[in-house]
């Protein structure tokens, strides 16, 4: 019967049983496996795999060195400036425009970068531009409910006007106004 052990307890039990499992014969291995299945609630094939792996030394993960950045961090302000001059276009549009925008801004002395940096900025792909400008776009995004549209029902001035109209005009006058506006739409009303 499975006893509801925590994962740490299951690993400790597995390690202890794995020491016996390694040097045991076939019949004893079956008993150890049955004991582990009853203790942990695992299936036999998973328990067998856990017993084998419990004695293996943990594999050392090879840490790969990261790629050397192609575009230095000091290029970011120039990219943001180009993006702002064009009023925040998408990366594809900005990538297409940097070919003429960067030399123009450098000629006007608005963009103070070296020739090598200018070359890197012009060669930057649209996807890289989008990744590099993600934080800037996030700063520009509207938050909260301030940018929601005002609905007619929630407008207090329209509600007051409607209430005023119903209270001041009687039933007959309302019918007359409706008929007049209908006739006007058909071109039969008086102007």
Protein backbone atom coordinates (compact mmCIF):
# COMPACT_ATOMS: atom_id res chain seq x y z
CA UNK A 1 0.00 0.00 0.00
CA UNK A 2 1.37 3.38 -1.03
CA UNK A 3 2.09 5.65 1.95
CA UNK A 4 2.04 9.14 0.39
CA UNK A 5 5.71 10.03 0.70
CA UNK A 6 7.10 13.38 -0.35
CA UNK A 7 9.42 13.54 -3.34
CA UNK A 8 12.48 13.95 -1.12
CA UNK A 9 11.50 10.89 0.91
CA UNK A 10 10.91 8.89 -2.28
CA UNK A 11 14.37 9.78 -3.55
CA UNK A 12 15.98 8.81 -0.23
CA UNK A 13 14.16 5.45 -0.17
CA UNK A 14 15.09 4.84 -3.80
CA UNK A 15 18.75 5.55 -3.11
CA UNK A 16 18.80 3.12 -0.16
CA UNK A 17 17.06 0.39 -2.12
CA UNK A 18 19.30 1.04 -5.14
CA UNK A 19 22.37 0.06 -3.11
CA UNK A 20 20.79 -3.34 -2.38
CA UNK A 21 19.38 -3.61 -5.92
CA UNK A 22 22.79 -3.22 -7.53
CA UNK A 23 24.37 -6.26 -5.88
CA UNK A 24 21.28 -8.49 -5.68
CA UNK A 25 20.33 -11.45 -7.83
CA UNK A 26 17.34 -11.59 -10.13
CA UNK A 27 14.82 -12.89 -7.58
CA UNK A 28 15.87 -10.36 -4.93
CA UNK A 29 15.75 -7.55 -7.51
CA UNK A 30 12.11 -8.41 -8.17
CA UNK A 31 11.33 -8.23 -4.43
CA UNK A 32 13.13 -4.89 -4.08
CA UNK A 33 11.23 -3.57 -7.07
CA UNK A 34 7.90 -4.69 -5.58
CA UNK A 35 8.81 -3.05 -2.27
CA UNK A 36 9.67 0.23 -4.00
CA UNK A 37 6.42 0.18 -5.99
CA UNK A 38 4.41 -0.33 -2.78
CA UNK A 39 6.26 2.45 -0.96
CA UNK A 40 6.16 5.09 -3.67
CA UNK A 41 3.11 4.28 -5.77
CA UNK A 42 5.18 4.28 -8.95
CA UNK A 43 4.69 1.81 -11.79
CA UNK A 44 7.26 -0.98 -12.09
CA UNK A 45 8.97 0.32 -15.19
CA UNK A 46 9.42 3.79 -13.70
CA UNK A 47 10.62 2.29 -10.40
CA UNK A 48 13.18 0.17 -12.28
CA UNK A 49 14.41 3.26 -14.11
CA UNK A 50 14.61 5.24 -10.84
CA UNK A 51 16.65 2.48 -9.20
CA UNK A 52 19.12 2.47 -12.09
CA UNK A 53 19.46 6.25 -12.12
CA UNK A 54 19.76 6.62 -8.34
CA UNK A 55 23.34 5.34 -8.35
CA UNK A 56 24.52 7.24 -11.40
CA UNK A 57 26.44 10.42 -10.65
CA UNK A 58 24.51 13.48 -11.67
CA UNK A 59 25.46 14.48 -15.18
CA UNK A 60 27.37 17.67 -15.48
CA UNK A 61 25.57 20.09 -17.70
CA UNK A 62 27.80 21.66 -20.24
CA UNK A 63 27.37 25.37 -20.02
CA UNK A 64 27.69 26.89 -23.41
CA UNK A 65 29.15 30.34 -23.59
CA UNK A 66 26.68 32.88 -24.86
CA UNK A 67 27.12 34.50 -28.21
CA UNK A 68 29.11 37.65 -28.30
CA UNK A 69 26.66 40.49 -28.93
CA UNK A 70 26.78 41.79 -32.48
CA UNK A 71 25.27 45.15 -31.60
CA UNK A 72 26.84 46.94 -28.62
CA UNK A 73 24.72 48.55 -25.92
CA UNK A 74 25.89 52.04 -26.87
CA UNK A 75 24.00 51.67 -30.16
CA UNK A 76 20.64 51.59 -28.35
CA UNK A 77 20.20 55.39 -27.95
CA UNK A 78 20.85 55.88 -31.67
CA UNK A 79 18.27 53.22 -32.52
CA UNK A 80 15.71 54.81 -30.20
CA UNK A 81 16.37 58.21 -31.77
CA UNK A 82 15.79 56.86 -35.29
CA UNK A 83 12.63 55.15 -34.09
CA UNK A 84 11.36 58.34 -32.45
CA UNK A 85 12.13 60.51 -35.49
CA UNK A 86 9.91 58.27 -37.61
CA UNK A 87 7.21 58.29 -34.88
CA UNK A 88 7.58 54.70 -33.71
CA UNK A 89 7.20 52.48 -36.78
CA UNK A 90 7.42 48.71 -36.76
CA UNK A 91 10.79 47.04 -37.15
CA UNK A 92 10.33 46.27 -40.84
CA UNK A 93 9.63 49.88 -41.72
CA UNK A 94 12.45 51.16 -39.55
CA UNK A 95 14.90 48.65 -41.02
CA UNK A 96 14.00 49.82 -44.51
CA UNK A 97 14.32 53.48 -43.52
CA UNK A 98 17.65 53.32 -41.70
CA UNK A 99 19.52 53.20 -45.01
CA UNK A 100 18.68 56.83 -45.73
CA UNK A 101 17.74 58.04 -42.23
CA UNK A 102 21.06 57.35 -40.49
CA UNK A 103 23.23 59.26 -43.03
CA UNK A 104 20.73 62.12 -43.03
CA UNK A 105 20.71 62.40 -39.22
CA UNK A 106 24.50 62.18 -39.13
CA UNK A 107 24.77 64.96 -41.73
CA UNK A 108 22.51 67.16 -39.59
CA UNK A 109 24.66 66.27 -36.55
CA UNK A 110 21.63 64.95 -34.69
CA UNK A 111 23.07 61.46 -34.52
CA UNK A 112 26.60 61.37 -33.11
CA UNK A 113 27.93 57.89 -33.89
CA UNK A 114 31.02 56.51 -35.60
CA UNK A 115 31.10 55.08 -39.11
CA UNK A 116 31.29 51.54 -37.74
CA UNK A 117 28.26 52.13 -35.51
CA UNK A 118 26.35 53.69 -38.40
CA UNK A 119 27.13 50.64 -40.52
CA UNK A 120 25.87 48.34 -37.76
CA UNK A 121 22.70 50.39 -37.36
CA UNK A 122 21.96 50.26 -41.08
CA UNK A 123 22.58 46.48 -41.22
CA UNK A 124 20.34 45.70 -38.22
CA UNK A 125 17.50 43.33 -39.10
CA UNK A 126 13.83 44.05 -38.48
CA UNK A 127 13.55 41.29 -35.88
CA UNK A 128 16.53 42.62 -33.96
CA UNK A 129 15.08 46.12 -34.09
CA UNK A 130 11.80 44.84 -32.67
CA UNK A 131 13.62 43.00 -29.86
CA UNK A 132 15.78 46.00 -29.02
CA UNK A 133 12.81 48.40 -28.99
CA UNK A 134 10.45 46.18 -26.98
CA UNK A 135 11.05 48.10 -23.74
CA UNK A 136 10.52 51.44 -25.46
CA UNK A 137 7.23 50.24 -26.93
CA UNK A 138 6.13 48.97 -23.53
CA UNK A 139 6.75 52.41 -22.05
CA UNK A 140 4.48 53.93 -24.70
CA UNK A 141 1.62 51.46 -24.18
CA UNK A 142 -1.47 52.85 -22.50
CA UNK A 143 -2.35 51.32 -19.16
CA UNK A 144 -5.62 51.23 -17.30
CA UNK A 145 -8.99 52.34 -18.55
CA UNK A 146 -8.08 55.85 -19.63
CA UNK A 147 -8.11 54.94 -23.30
CA UNK A 148 -11.54 53.30 -23.40
CA UNK A 149 -14.34 54.75 -25.49
CA UNK A 150 -17.20 56.59 -23.83
CA UNK A 151 -20.52 54.89 -24.45
CA UNK A 152 -23.83 56.67 -25.01
CA UNK A 153 -25.51 54.97 -22.07
CA UNK A 154 -22.85 56.08 -19.63
CA UNK A 155 -22.90 59.70 -20.75
CA UNK A 156 -24.70 61.77 -18.09
CA UNK A 157 -25.42 64.69 -20.42
CA UNK A 158 -27.33 62.50 -22.87
CA UNK A 159 -29.30 60.91 -20.06
CA UNK A 160 -30.32 64.33 -18.71
CA UNK A 161 -31.33 65.51 -22.17
CA UNK A 162 -33.46 62.44 -22.79
CA UNK A 163 -35.16 62.79 -19.40
CA UNK A 164 -35.78 66.47 -20.03
CA UNK A 165 -37.27 65.71 -23.44
CA UNK A 166 -39.69 63.14 -22.05
CA UNK A 167 -40.77 65.36 -19.19
CA UNK A 168 -41.36 68.51 -21.25
CA UNK A 169 -43.00 67.17 -24.42
CA UNK A 170 -46.38 65.49 -24.20
CA UNK A 171 -47.36 62.32 -26.03
CA UNK A 172 -49.05 64.05 -28.99
CA UNK A 173 -46.14 66.39 -29.59
CA UNK A 174 -43.72 63.45 -29.55
CA UNK A 175 -45.70 61.70 -32.28
CA UNK A 176 -45.73 64.89 -34.32
CA UNK A 177 -41.94 65.28 -34.02
CA UNK A 178 -41.42 61.67 -35.09
CA UNK A 179 -43.70 62.10 -38.11
CA UNK A 180 -41.98 65.37 -39.06
CA UNK A 181 -38.50 63.81 -38.95
CA UNK A 182 -39.72 60.79 -40.94
CA UNK A 183 -41.26 63.04 -43.59
CA UNK A 184 -38.04 65.04 -43.74
CA UNK A 185 -36.02 61.92 -44.51
CA UNK A 186 -38.35 61.09 -47.37
CA UNK A 187 -38.12 64.64 -48.70
CA UNK A 188 -41.79 65.46 -48.03
CA UNK A 189 -41.37 67.68 -44.99
CA UNK A 190 -41.15 71.42 -44.78
CA UNK A 191 -37.78 72.95 -44.22
